[in-house]
Amino acid sequence: MIKNYKLTVILAAFAVISCQNKKKVAQSTISYPIRVEWSLVGKGNLLGNHSEGIESGSLWITGQQEWRDLVDKINTNNPVSDSFIENEIDFAKFDVIATFDEVRPHSGFIVAIDSVIEDARNRLVYISLRDKKRGFEMPSQPYYLIKVPKSTKTVMFQ
């Protein structure tokens, strides 16, 4: 009886160690680059003629306070965040990537994040700008916000 018990314990230990080793091998054999899955938080145009004080460029937001500060700026003139798909972000699990174009003469410009690609050290965010050549004749600033799974890799914008 004791021999069977010892044998069972030893076999269970080998099974656990074997599974852990397979997991480590699987993690170390990731073939880069890989496409990072993301979800849209919000997109559109800010219509405050730059009164929001948001410069053109891209941001990597990793915490709740940074996010609240940005949303407050976005909402300076209009409750823009009311149209977001998601307002509450779990920053223990996700980061937010935000990109803003410069203030444009009409609302026909669109900025978009096309993809997020990860290599062994970095996350590359690919951004595009389009001009539909039509829109309301009023100053507007295109923006695009996404959330991505949390990572310690450096984010680079392309």
C-alpha atoms as a PDB file:
ATOM      1  CA  MET A   1       0.000   0.000   0.000  1.00  0.00           C
ATOM      2  CA  ILE A   2       2.774   2.454   0.927  1.00  0.00           C
ATOM      3  CA  LYS A   3       4.687   1.496  -2.258  1.00  0.00           C
ATOM      4  CA  ASN A   4       1.626   2.300  -4.393  1.00  0.00           C
ATOM      5  CA  TYR A   5       1.207   5.627  -2.608  1.00  0.00           C
ATOM      6  CA  LYS A   6       4.885   6.546  -3.153  1.00  0.00           C
ATOM      7  CA  LEU A   7       4.681   5.492  -6.784  1.00  0.00           C
ATOM      8  CA  THR A   8       1.555   7.622  -7.264  1.00  0.00           C
ATOM      9  CA  VAL A   9       3.226  10.656  -5.663  1.00  0.00           C
ATOM     10  CA  ILE A  10       6.364  10.247  -7.799  1.00  0.00           C
ATOM     11  CA  LEU A  11       4.341   9.880 -11.020  1.00  0.00           C
ATOM     12  CA  ALA A  12       2.246  12.934 -10.154  1.00  0.00           C
ATOM     13  CA  ALA A  13       5.403  14.966  -9.511  1.00  0.00           C
ATOM     14  CA  PHE A  14       6.870  13.927 -12.881  1.00  0.00           C
ATOM     15  CA  ALA A  15       3.610  14.859 -14.614  1.00  0.00           C
ATOM     16  CA  VAL A  16       3.598  18.341 -13.054  1.00  0.00           C
ATOM     17  CA  ILE A  17       7.264  18.964 -13.891  1.00  0.00           C
ATOM     18  CA  SER A  18       6.744  17.685 -17.429  1.00  0.00           C
ATOM     19  CA  CYS A  19       3.770  20.029 -17.984  1.00  0.00           C
ATOM     20  CA  GLN A  20       5.719  23.019 -16.650  1.00  0.00           C
ATOM     21  CA  ASN A  21       8.661  22.250 -18.942  1.00  0.00           C
ATOM     22  CA  LYS A  22       6.349  21.999 -21.962  1.00  0.00           C
ATOM     23  CA  LYS A  23       4.844  25.381 -21.064  1.00  0.00           C
ATOM     24  CA  LYS A  24       8.310  26.989 -20.868  1.00  0.00           C
ATOM     25  CA  VAL A  25       9.292  25.463 -24.220  1.00  0.00           C
ATOM     26  CA  ALA A  26       6.062  26.710 -25.799  1.00  0.00           C
ATOM     27  CA  GLN A  27       6.665  30.254 -24.496  1.00  0.00           C
ATOM     28  CA  SER A  28      10.249  30.343 -25.740  1.00  0.00           C
ATOM     29  CA  THR A  29       9.327  29.181 -29.237  1.00  0.00           C
ATOM     30  CA  ILE A  30       7.033  32.092 -30.086  1.00  0.00           C
ATOM     31  CA  SER A  31       7.585  33.051 -33.689  1.00  0.00           C
ATOM     32  CA  TYR A  32       7.814  36.833 -34.046  1.00  0.00           C
ATOM     33  CA  PRO A  33       6.444  39.130 -35.299  1.00  0.00           C
ATOM     34  CA  ILE A  34       2.903  38.548 -34.056  1.00  0.00           C
ATOM     35  CA  ARG A  35      -0.242  40.615 -34.459  1.00  0.00           C
ATOM     36  CA  VAL A  36      -1.556  41.975 -31.148  1.00  0.00           C
ATOM     37  CA  GLU A  37      -5.320  41.804 -30.772  1.00  0.00           C
ATOM     38  CA  TRP A  38      -6.848  45.135 -29.738  1.00  0.00           C
ATOM     39  CA  SER A  39     -10.271  46.666 -29.329  1.00  0.00           C
ATOM     40  CA  LEU A  40     -11.565  50.100 -30.205  1.00  0.00           C
ATOM     41  CA  VAL A  41     -12.295  52.485 -27.335  1.00  0.00           C
ATOM     42  CA  GLY A  42     -13.272  55.549 -29.374  1.00  0.00           C
ATOM     43  CA  LYS A  43     -12.654  57.480 -32.573  1.00  0.00           C
ATOM     44  CA  GLY A  44     -13.806  60.685 -34.163  1.00  0.00           C
ATOM     45  CA  ASN A  45     -13.019  64.383 -34.238  1.00  0.00           C
ATOM     46  CA  LEU A  46     -12.529  66.928 -31.479  1.00  0.00           C
ATOM     47  CA  LEU A  47     -14.300  70.142 -32.467  1.00  0.00           C
ATOM     48  CA  GLY A  48     -12.827  72.629 -30.001  1.00  0.00           C
ATOM     49  CA  ASN A  49     -10.371  74.281 -32.432  1.00  0.00           C
ATOM     50  CA  HIS A  50      -7.471  73.100 -30.233  1.00  0.00           C
ATOM     51  CA  SER A  51      -8.973  74.433 -27.003  1.00  0.00           C
ATOM     52  CA  GLU A  52      -8.630  70.899 -25.585  1.00  0.00           C
ATOM     53  CA  GLY A  53      -4.871  71.467 -25.572  1.00  0.00           C
ATOM     54  CA  ILE A  54      -4.058  68.055 -27.036  1.00  0.00           C
ATOM     55  CA  GLU A  55      -1.020  68.133 -29.292  1.00  0.00           C
ATOM     56  CA  SER A  56      -0.808  65.952 -32.391  1.00  0.00           C
ATOM     57  CA  GLY A  57       0.980  62.699 -31.687  1.00  0.00           C
ATOM     58  CA  SER A  58       0.504  59.370 -30.010  1.00  0.00           C
ATOM     59  CA  LEU A  59       0.319  58.325 -26.362  1.00  0.00           C
ATOM     60  CA  TRP A  60       0.817  55.057 -24.489  1.00  0.00           C
ATOM     61  CA  ILE A  61      -1.412  55.233 -21.414  1.00  0.00           C
ATOM     62  CA  THR A  62      -0.629  52.730 -18.672  1.00  0.00           C
ATOM     63  CA  GLY A  63      -2.598  53.985 -15.674  1.00  0.00           C
ATOM     64  CA  GLN A  64      -5.961  55.233 -14.494  1.00  0.00           C
ATOM     65  CA  GLN A  65      -4.832  58.786 -13.643  1.00  0.00           C
ATOM     66  CA  GLU A  66      -3.271  59.318 -17.083  1.00  0.00           C
ATOM     67  CA  TRP A  67      -6.496  58.027 -18.643  1.00  0.00           C
ATOM     68  CA  ARG A  68      -8.748  60.298 -16.521  1.00  0.00           C
ATOM     69  CA  ASP A  69      -6.544  63.319 -17.342  1.00  0.00           C
ATOM     70  CA  LEU A  70      -6.792  62.592 -21.077  1.00  0.00           C
ATOM     71  CA  VAL A  71     -10.574  62.049 -20.948  1.00  0.00           C
ATOM     72  CA  ASP A  72     -10.968  65.340 -19.066  1.00  0.00           C
ATOM     73  CA  LYS A  73      -9.037  67.147 -21.830  1.00  0.00           C
ATOM     74  CA  ILE A  74     -11.046  65.401 -24.547  1.00  0.00           C
ATOM     75  CA  ASN A  75     -14.268  66.511 -22.828  1.00  0.00           C
ATOM     76  CA  THR A  76     -13.191  70.184 -22.498  1.00  0.00           C
ATOM     77  CA  ASN A  77     -15.861  71.494 -24.906  1.00  0.00           C
ATOM     78  CA  ASN A  78     -18.168  68.558 -25.524  1.00  0.00           C
ATOM     79  CA  PRO A  79     -18.893  65.277 -23.715  1.00  0.00           C
ATOM     80  CA  VAL A  80     -16.975  63.343 -26.371  1.00  0.00           C
ATOM     81  CA  SER A  81     -16.276  60.377 -24.092  1.00  0.00           C
ATOM     82  CA  ASP A  82     -20.024  59.680 -23.901  1.00  0.00           C
ATOM     83  CA  SER A  83     -19.669  58.215 -27.394  1.00  0.00           C
ATOM     84  CA  PHE A  84     -16.762  55.924 -26.435  1.00  0.00           C
ATOM     85  CA  ILE A  85     -17.404  52.209 -26.650  1.00  0.00           C
ATOM     86  CA  GLU A  86     -15.677  51.848 -23.313  1.00  0.00           C
ATOM     87  CA  ASN A  87     -14.873  54.396 -20.611  1.00  0.00           C
ATOM     88  CA  GLU A  88     -13.718  52.192 -17.746  1.00  0.00           C
ATOM     89  CA  ILE A  89     -10.398  50.495 -18.531  1.00  0.00           C
ATOM     90  CA  ASP A  90      -8.891  47.817 -16.288  1.00  0.00           C
ATOM     91  CA  PHE A  91      -5.278  48.989 -16.271  1.00  0.00           C
ATOM     92  CA  ALA A  92      -4.168  45.830 -14.470  1.00  0.00           C
ATOM     93  CA  LYS A  93      -4.947  43.987 -17.727  1.00  0.00           C
ATOM     94  CA  PHE A  94      -4.852  46.622 -20.485  1.00  0.00           C
ATOM     95  CA  ASP A  95      -3.045  49.713 -21.759  1.00  0.00           C
ATOM     96  CA  VAL A  96      -4.572  52.395 -23.971  1.00  0.00           C
ATOM     97  CA  ILE A  97      -2.975  53.658 -27.162  1.00  0.00           C
ATOM     98  CA  ALA A  98      -4.210  57.090 -28.261  1.00  0.00           C
ATOM     99  CA  THR A  99      -3.327  58.946 -31.424  1.00  0.00           C
ATOM    100  CA  PHE A 100      -4.290  62.512 -32.329  1.00  0.00           C
ATOM    101  CA  ASP A 101      -3.798  64.290 -35.628  1.00  0.00           C
ATOM    102  CA  GLU A 102      -3.236  68.028 -35.894  1.00  0.00           C
ATOM    103  CA  VAL A 103      -6.189  70.392 -36.059  1.00  0.00           C
ATOM    104  CA  ARG A 104      -7.541  70.248 -39.615  1.00  0.00           C
ATOM    105  CA  PRO A 105      -9.685  72.787 -41.545  1.00  0.00           C
ATOM    106  CA  HIS A 106     -12.604  70.343 -41.985  1.00  0.00           C
ATOM    107  CA  SER A 107     -13.946  67.126 -40.490  1.00  0.00           C
ATOM    108  CA  GLY A 108     -13.058  64.945 -43.485  1.00  0.00           C
ATOM    109  CA  PHE A 109      -9.711  63.815 -42.087  1.00  0.00           C
ATOM    110  CA  ILE A 110      -9.445  60.448 -40.352  1.00  0.00           C
ATOM    111  CA  VAL A 111      -6.604  59.103 -38.231  1.00  0.00           C
ATOM    112  CA  ALA A 112      -6.605  55.351 -37.544  1.00  0.00           C
ATOM    113  CA  ILE A 113      -4.534  52.659 -35.917  1.00  0.00           C
ATOM    114  CA  ASP A 114      -4.222  49.951 -38.539  1.00  0.00           C
ATOM    115  CA  SER A 115      -2.351  47.307 -36.570  1.00  0.00           C
ATOM    116  CA  VAL A 116      -0.225  46.564 -33.536  1.00  0.00           C
ATOM    117  CA  ILE A 117       2.661  44.185 -34.194  1.00  0.00           C
ATOM    118  CA  GLU A 118       4.891  42.718 -31.498  1.00  0.00           C
ATOM    119  CA  ASP A 119       8.456  41.530 -31.933  1.00  0.00           C
ATOM    120  CA  ALA A 120      10.803  40.129 -29.306  1.00  0.00           C
ATOM    121  CA  ARG A 121      11.360  43.549 -27.648  1.00  0.00           C
ATOM    122  CA  ASN A 122       8.807  46.071 -28.916  1.00  0.00           C
ATOM    123  CA  ARG A 123       5.241  46.721 -29.852  1.00  0.00           C
ATOM    124  CA  LEU A 124       4.929  48.616 -33.122  1.00  0.00           C
ATOM    125  CA  VAL A 125       1.758  50.654 -33.636  1.00  0.00           C
ATOM    126  CA  TYR A 126       0.979  51.429 -37.284  1.00  0.00           C
ATOM    127  CA  ILE A 127      -1.000  54.636 -37.778  1.00  0.00           C
ATOM    128  CA  SER A 128      -2.534  56.011 -40.968  1.00  0.00           C
ATOM    129  CA  LEU A 129      -4.090  59.327 -41.950  1.00  0.00           C
ATOM    130  CA  ARG A 130      -6.743  59.665 -44.612  1.00  0.00           C
ATOM    131  CA  ASP A 131      -8.407  62.689 -46.157  1.00  0.00           C
ATOM    132  CA  LYS A 132     -11.918  62.053 -47.472  1.00  0.00           C
ATOM    133  CA  LYS A 133     -11.740  65.551 -49.015  1.00  0.00           C
ATOM    134  CA  ARG A 134     -15.180  66.271 -47.652  1.00  0.00           C
ATOM    135  CA  GLY A 135     -16.646  67.092 -44.312  1.00  0.00           C
ATOM    136  CA  PHE A 136     -18.023  69.948 -42.309  1.00  0.00           C
ATOM    137  CA  GLU A 137     -16.094  73.179 -42.830  1.00  0.00           C
ATOM    138  CA  MET A 138     -15.015  73.585 -39.236  1.00  0.00           C
ATOM    139  CA  PRO A 139     -11.713  73.007 -37.494  1.00  0.00           C
ATOM    140  CA  SER A 140     -11.467  69.470 -36.183  1.00  0.00           C
ATOM    141  CA  GLN A 141      -8.819  67.217 -34.666  1.00  0.00           C
ATOM    142  CA  PRO A 142      -9.099  63.510 -35.558  1.00  0.00           C
ATOM    143  CA  TYR A 143      -8.383  60.980 -32.809  1.00  0.00           C
ATOM    144  CA  TYR A 144      -8.339  57.187 -32.393  1.00  0.00           C
ATOM    145  CA  LEU A 145      -8.193  55.269 -29.098  1.00  0.00           C
ATOM    146  CA  ILE A 146      -7.666  51.523 -28.590  1.00  0.00           C
ATOM    147  CA  LYS A 147      -6.940  49.185 -25.711  1.00  0.00           C
ATOM    148  CA  VAL A 148      -4.347  46.424 -25.896  1.00  0.00           C
ATOM    149  CA  PRO A 149      -3.351  43.688 -23.453  1.00  0.00           C
ATOM    150  CA  LYS A 150      -0.838  44.907 -20.845  1.00  0.00           C
ATOM    151  CA  SER A 151       2.818  44.462 -21.775  1.00  0.00           C
ATOM    152  CA  THR A 152       6.201  45.577 -20.522  1.00  0.00           C
ATOM    153  CA  LYS A 153       7.516  45.924 -24.069  1.00  0.00           C
ATOM    154  CA  THR A 154       8.315  49.382 -25.399  1.00  0.00           C
ATOM    155  CA  VAL A 155       5.645  50.878 -27.642  1.00  0.00           C
ATOM    156  CA  MET A 156       6.891  52.480 -30.856  1.00  0.00           C
ATOM    157  CA  PHE A 157       4.723  54.420 -33.298  1.00  0.00           C
ATOM    158  CA  GLN A 158       5.106  54.072 -37.054  1.00  0.00           C
END
